[in-house]
Amino acid sequence: MRILLVEDDIELAEWTGKALTHRYGFVVEWAEDGDAGERLLRQDDFDAVVLDLGLPELDGRSLLAKVRARGDVTPTLILTARDSLTDRIETLHAGADDFLSKPFAIEELEARLTALVRRAHGRNAGSFSCGALTYHSVEQSFTINGERLELTPREHTMLRILIQHAGQPMSKQKIMDRMFAYDADIQLEAIEVIAHRLRKKVTEGVSIRTLRGLGYVLELVST
């Protein structure tokens, strides 16, 4: 999952980014003010945004209003020390999807982000499924026909990306962006290798199909 964190508290941003990366395998891009966050949202594609309200330059609510005005519906969770009903109502009207008050537990942030992405893709249960293949969000594990699927960390991350976007073509670049930080020394060919290994393990009722010029798509096998 690729997350944009817009937060001007450097210490909090570093802690949040490292925790989401090391504990949950997220790829986190950081912007320390609203203008930088707005530029990144114009340039790149993210699964969700974690947005502080009290930002320098362009504040969080104004950033959100600008993003929504141009039709960007990326799920957005607001981090805020403000917890009044008025603040929440105003921010909901600006286009927020969820709130989390500071200070917060990283476990709750991860759970709320996962729920936002599920809802964005029309999945309301506590898991993602494609045929016999299921990703269990709480356990962070895969099963196929009820049997646990043994995967390497990179296989797990790539398959999670594909099942979260089941039925949607995902380019190699988009997959890589969601698996690795920008400064990682990884080539696109690595995605091909991981996809090849996954095809040997995910064989019952679903397939990882290569779409020439587009990338990969996880889909049901037609019978």
Protein backbone atom coordinates (compact mmCIF):
# COMPACT_ATOMS: atom_id res chain seq x y z
CA MET A 1 0.00 0.00 0.00
CA ARG A 2 1.40 3.40 -0.98
CA ILE A 3 0.61 6.19 1.47
CA LEU A 4 1.20 9.94 1.30
CA LEU A 5 1.85 11.38 4.76
CA VAL A 6 1.44 15.17 4.94
CA GLU A 7 2.74 16.21 8.36
CA ASP A 8 4.96 19.10 9.48
CA ASP A 9 6.06 17.49 12.76
CA ILE A 10 9.31 15.88 11.61
CA GLU A 11 9.66 13.57 14.60
CA LEU A 12 6.07 12.31 14.31
CA ALA A 13 6.38 11.90 10.53
CA GLU A 14 9.60 9.86 10.83
CA TRP A 15 8.12 7.63 13.53
CA THR A 16 4.88 7.07 11.60
CA GLY A 17 6.65 6.38 8.31
CA LYS A 18 9.10 3.92 9.83
CA ALA A 19 6.38 2.09 11.78
CA LEU A 20 4.09 1.70 8.77
CA THR A 21 7.02 0.58 6.62
CA HIS A 22 8.73 -1.86 8.98
CA ARG A 23 5.66 -3.31 10.71
CA TYR A 24 3.17 -3.40 7.85
CA GLY A 25 5.17 -3.20 4.63
CA PHE A 26 3.65 0.10 3.47
CA VAL A 27 5.52 2.48 1.21
CA VAL A 28 5.26 5.96 2.75
CA GLU A 29 6.06 9.21 0.95
CA TRP A 30 6.33 12.28 3.17
CA ALA A 31 5.47 15.93 2.52
CA GLU A 32 6.15 18.44 5.30
CA ASP A 33 3.72 21.14 4.18
CA GLY A 34 0.48 21.51 2.26
CA ASP A 35 2.03 22.84 -0.95
CA ALA A 36 4.44 19.89 -1.17
CA GLY A 37 1.58 17.48 -0.48
CA GLU A 38 -0.54 19.05 -3.20
CA ARG A 39 2.29 18.75 -5.73
CA LEU A 40 2.83 15.07 -4.92
CA LEU A 41 -0.89 14.34 -5.30
CA ARG A 42 -0.83 15.98 -8.74
CA GLN A 43 2.24 14.01 -9.82
CA ASP A 44 1.70 10.55 -8.31
CA ASP A 45 -0.87 7.93 -7.47
CA PHE A 46 -1.45 6.91 -3.84
CA ASP A 47 -3.73 4.38 -2.16
CA ALA A 48 -4.50 6.76 0.72
CA VAL A 49 -3.46 10.06 2.29
CA VAL A 50 -2.73 10.73 5.96
CA LEU A 51 -3.20 14.48 6.38
CA ASP A 52 -2.47 16.81 9.29
CA LEU A 53 -4.72 19.87 9.53
CA GLY A 54 -2.28 22.35 11.09
CA LEU A 55 0.16 22.64 8.21
CA PRO A 56 2.31 25.63 7.23
CA GLU A 57 1.77 27.34 3.87
CA LEU A 58 -1.38 25.54 2.69
CA ASP A 59 -3.32 24.12 5.67
CA GLY A 60 -4.74 20.62 5.61
CA ARG A 61 -8.40 21.53 5.11
CA SER A 62 -7.56 23.87 2.22
CA LEU A 63 -5.36 21.20 0.64
CA LEU A 64 -8.17 18.67 0.88
CA ALA A 65 -10.67 21.10 -0.64
CA LYS A 66 -8.32 21.77 -3.59
CA VAL A 67 -7.74 18.07 -4.18
CA ARG A 68 -11.45 17.23 -4.10
CA ALA A 69 -12.30 20.19 -6.35
CA ARG A 70 -10.23 18.73 -9.16
CA GLY A 71 -11.88 15.31 -8.80
CA ASP A 72 -9.17 13.47 -6.84
CA VAL A 73 -11.00 11.01 -4.56
CA THR A 74 -7.95 9.38 -2.94
CA PRO A 75 -9.12 8.14 0.51
CA THR A 76 -7.96 10.65 3.11
CA LEU A 77 -7.56 10.19 6.85
CA ILE A 78 -7.17 13.31 8.95
CA LEU A 79 -4.67 13.39 11.82
CA THR A 80 -5.62 16.14 14.19
CA ALA A 81 -5.18 17.48 17.68
CA ARG A 82 -8.47 19.32 17.16
CA ASP A 83 -11.38 17.15 18.18
CA SER A 84 -14.42 19.40 18.27
CA LEU A 85 -17.64 18.49 16.49
CA THR A 86 -17.43 21.68 14.44
CA ASP A 87 -13.92 20.83 13.19
CA ARG A 88 -15.01 17.32 12.21
CA ILE A 89 -18.12 18.52 10.38
CA GLU A 90 -16.19 21.19 8.46
CA THR A 91 -13.51 18.70 7.48
CA LEU A 92 -16.08 16.11 6.38
CA HIS A 93 -17.65 18.75 4.17
CA ALA A 94 -14.19 19.42 2.72
CA GLY A 95 -13.96 15.74 1.71
CA ALA A 96 -12.34 13.82 4.59
CA ASP A 97 -13.02 10.08 4.84
CA ASP A 98 -11.90 9.38 8.42
CA PHE A 99 -10.30 10.97 11.49
CA LEU A 100 -7.69 9.93 14.03
CA SER A 101 -6.85 12.12 17.01
CA LYS A 102 -3.29 12.72 18.16
CA PRO A 103 -1.69 10.96 19.95
CA PHE A 104 -2.58 7.69 18.24
CA ALA A 105 -1.56 4.03 18.18
CA ILE A 106 0.11 2.87 14.97
CA GLU A 107 -2.05 -0.27 15.04
CA GLU A 108 -5.20 1.86 14.81
CA LEU A 109 -3.77 3.97 12.00
CA GLU A 110 -2.93 0.84 9.99
CA ALA A 111 -6.40 -0.63 10.58
CA ARG A 112 -8.15 2.58 9.54
CA LEU A 113 -6.03 2.93 6.38
CA THR A 114 -6.74 -0.67 5.40
CA ALA A 115 -10.46 -0.09 5.95
CA LEU A 116 -10.37 3.08 3.81
CA VAL A 117 -8.74 1.23 0.93
CA ARG A 118 -11.25 -1.63 1.24
CA ARG A 119 -14.16 0.78 1.04
CA ALA A 120 -12.59 2.63 -1.88
CA HIS A 121 -12.55 -0.64 -3.82
CA GLY A 122 -16.08 -1.62 -2.81
CA ARG A 123 -15.07 -4.24 -0.26
CA ASN A 124 -16.62 -3.85 3.16
CA ALA A 125 -15.59 -7.08 4.86
CA GLY A 126 -12.43 -7.48 6.93
CA SER A 127 -10.64 -9.13 4.04
CA PHE A 128 -9.94 -8.95 0.31
CA SER A 129 -10.94 -11.93 -1.84
CA CYS A 130 -10.60 -13.07 -5.42
CA GLY A 131 -12.12 -16.50 -5.91
CA ALA A 132 -10.47 -19.02 -3.60
CA LEU A 133 -7.71 -16.56 -2.67
CA THR A 134 -8.27 -14.41 0.43
CA TYR A 135 -6.14 -11.81 2.18
CA HIS A 136 -6.97 -11.51 5.88
CA SER A 137 -6.25 -7.94 6.94
CA VAL A 138 -6.06 -8.54 10.69
CA GLU A 139 -3.73 -11.55 10.47
CA GLN A 140 -1.91 -10.12 7.41
CA SER A 141 -1.98 -13.56 5.82
CA PHE A 142 -3.23 -15.23 2.65
CA THR A 143 -5.25 -18.41 2.31
CA ILE A 144 -6.29 -20.28 -0.79
CA ASN A 145 -9.25 -22.63 -0.36
CA GLY A 146 -8.81 -22.11 3.38
CA GLU A 147 -5.18 -23.27 3.42
CA ARG A 148 -2.50 -20.79 4.47
CA LEU A 149 -0.28 -19.65 1.61
CA GLU A 150 3.43 -19.51 2.43
CA LEU A 151 5.03 -16.47 0.81
CA THR A 152 8.26 -14.53 1.04
CA PRO A 153 7.90 -10.90 2.25
CA ARG A 154 8.17 -9.53 -1.30
CA GLU A 155 5.72 -12.09 -2.68
CA HIS A 156 3.32 -11.22 0.14
CA THR A 157 3.57 -7.49 -0.60
CA MET A 158 3.06 -7.87 -4.34
CA LEU A 159 0.12 -10.24 -3.95
CA ARG A 160 -1.49 -7.89 -1.43
CA ILE A 161 -1.22 -5.06 -3.96
CA LEU A 162 -2.77 -7.19 -6.68
CA ILE A 163 -5.67 -8.46 -4.55
CA GLN A 164 -6.43 -4.95 -3.30
CA HIS A 165 -6.80 -4.00 -6.97
CA ALA A 166 -8.26 -7.32 -8.21
CA GLY A 167 -9.60 -7.00 -11.73
CA GLN A 168 -7.65 -3.79 -12.35
CA PRO A 169 -4.51 -3.74 -14.51
CA MET A 170 -1.50 -2.65 -12.45
CA SER A 171 1.61 -1.48 -14.28
CA LYS A 172 5.01 -2.71 -13.15
CA GLN A 173 5.89 0.85 -12.17
CA LYS A 174 2.79 1.22 -9.98
CA ILE A 175 3.51 -2.10 -8.31
CA MET A 176 7.12 -1.13 -7.70
CA ASP A 177 6.10 2.27 -6.33
CA ARG A 178 3.87 0.50 -3.80
CA MET A 179 6.52 -2.04 -2.84
CA PHE A 180 9.67 0.06 -2.55
CA ALA A 181 10.69 3.56 -1.57
CA TYR A 182 11.88 5.90 -4.34
CA ASP A 183 15.51 5.57 -3.29
CA ALA A 184 15.52 1.77 -3.33
CA ASP A 185 17.96 0.31 -5.86
CA ILE A 186 15.39 -1.98 -7.52
CA GLN A 187 14.84 -2.60 -11.22
CA LEU A 188 11.50 -3.30 -12.91
CA GLU A 189 12.76 -6.76 -13.78
CA ALA A 190 12.46 -7.65 -10.09
CA ILE A 191 8.67 -7.35 -10.40
CA GLU A 192 8.71 -9.88 -13.24
CA VAL A 193 10.67 -12.34 -11.09
CA ILE A 194 8.28 -11.98 -8.15
CA ALA A 195 5.26 -12.39 -10.45
CA HIS A 196 6.80 -15.57 -11.89
CA ARG A 197 7.27 -17.02 -8.40
CA LEU A 198 3.74 -16.09 -7.37
CA ARG A 199 2.23 -17.85 -10.39
CA LYS A 200 3.73 -21.12 -9.13
CA LYS A 201 2.02 -20.69 -5.75
CA VAL A 202 -1.33 -19.15 -6.73
CA THR A 203 -2.81 -21.78 -8.99
CA GLU A 204 -6.37 -22.57 -7.88
CA GLY A 205 -9.13 -20.60 -9.55
CA VAL A 206 -7.21 -17.33 -9.95
CA SER A 207 -4.35 -16.19 -12.10
CA ILE A 208 -1.87 -13.35 -12.39
CA ARG A 209 -2.21 -12.44 -16.04
CA THR A 210 0.33 -10.38 -17.96
CA LEU A 211 -1.23 -7.62 -20.03
CA ARG A 212 1.15 -6.54 -22.77
CA GLY A 213 2.07 -2.91 -22.29
CA LEU A 214 -0.12 -2.59 -19.16
CA GLY A 215 1.37 -4.86 -16.49
CA TYR A 216 -0.46 -7.46 -14.43
CA VAL A 217 -3.98 -8.20 -13.28
CA LEU A 218 -5.23 -10.66 -10.66
CA GLU A 219 -8.40 -12.27 -11.95
CA LEU A 220 -10.61 -15.33 -11.74
CA VAL A 221 -9.83 -18.18 -14.11
CA SER A 222 -12.77 -18.66 -16.44
CA THR A 223 -14.11 -22.20 -16.60
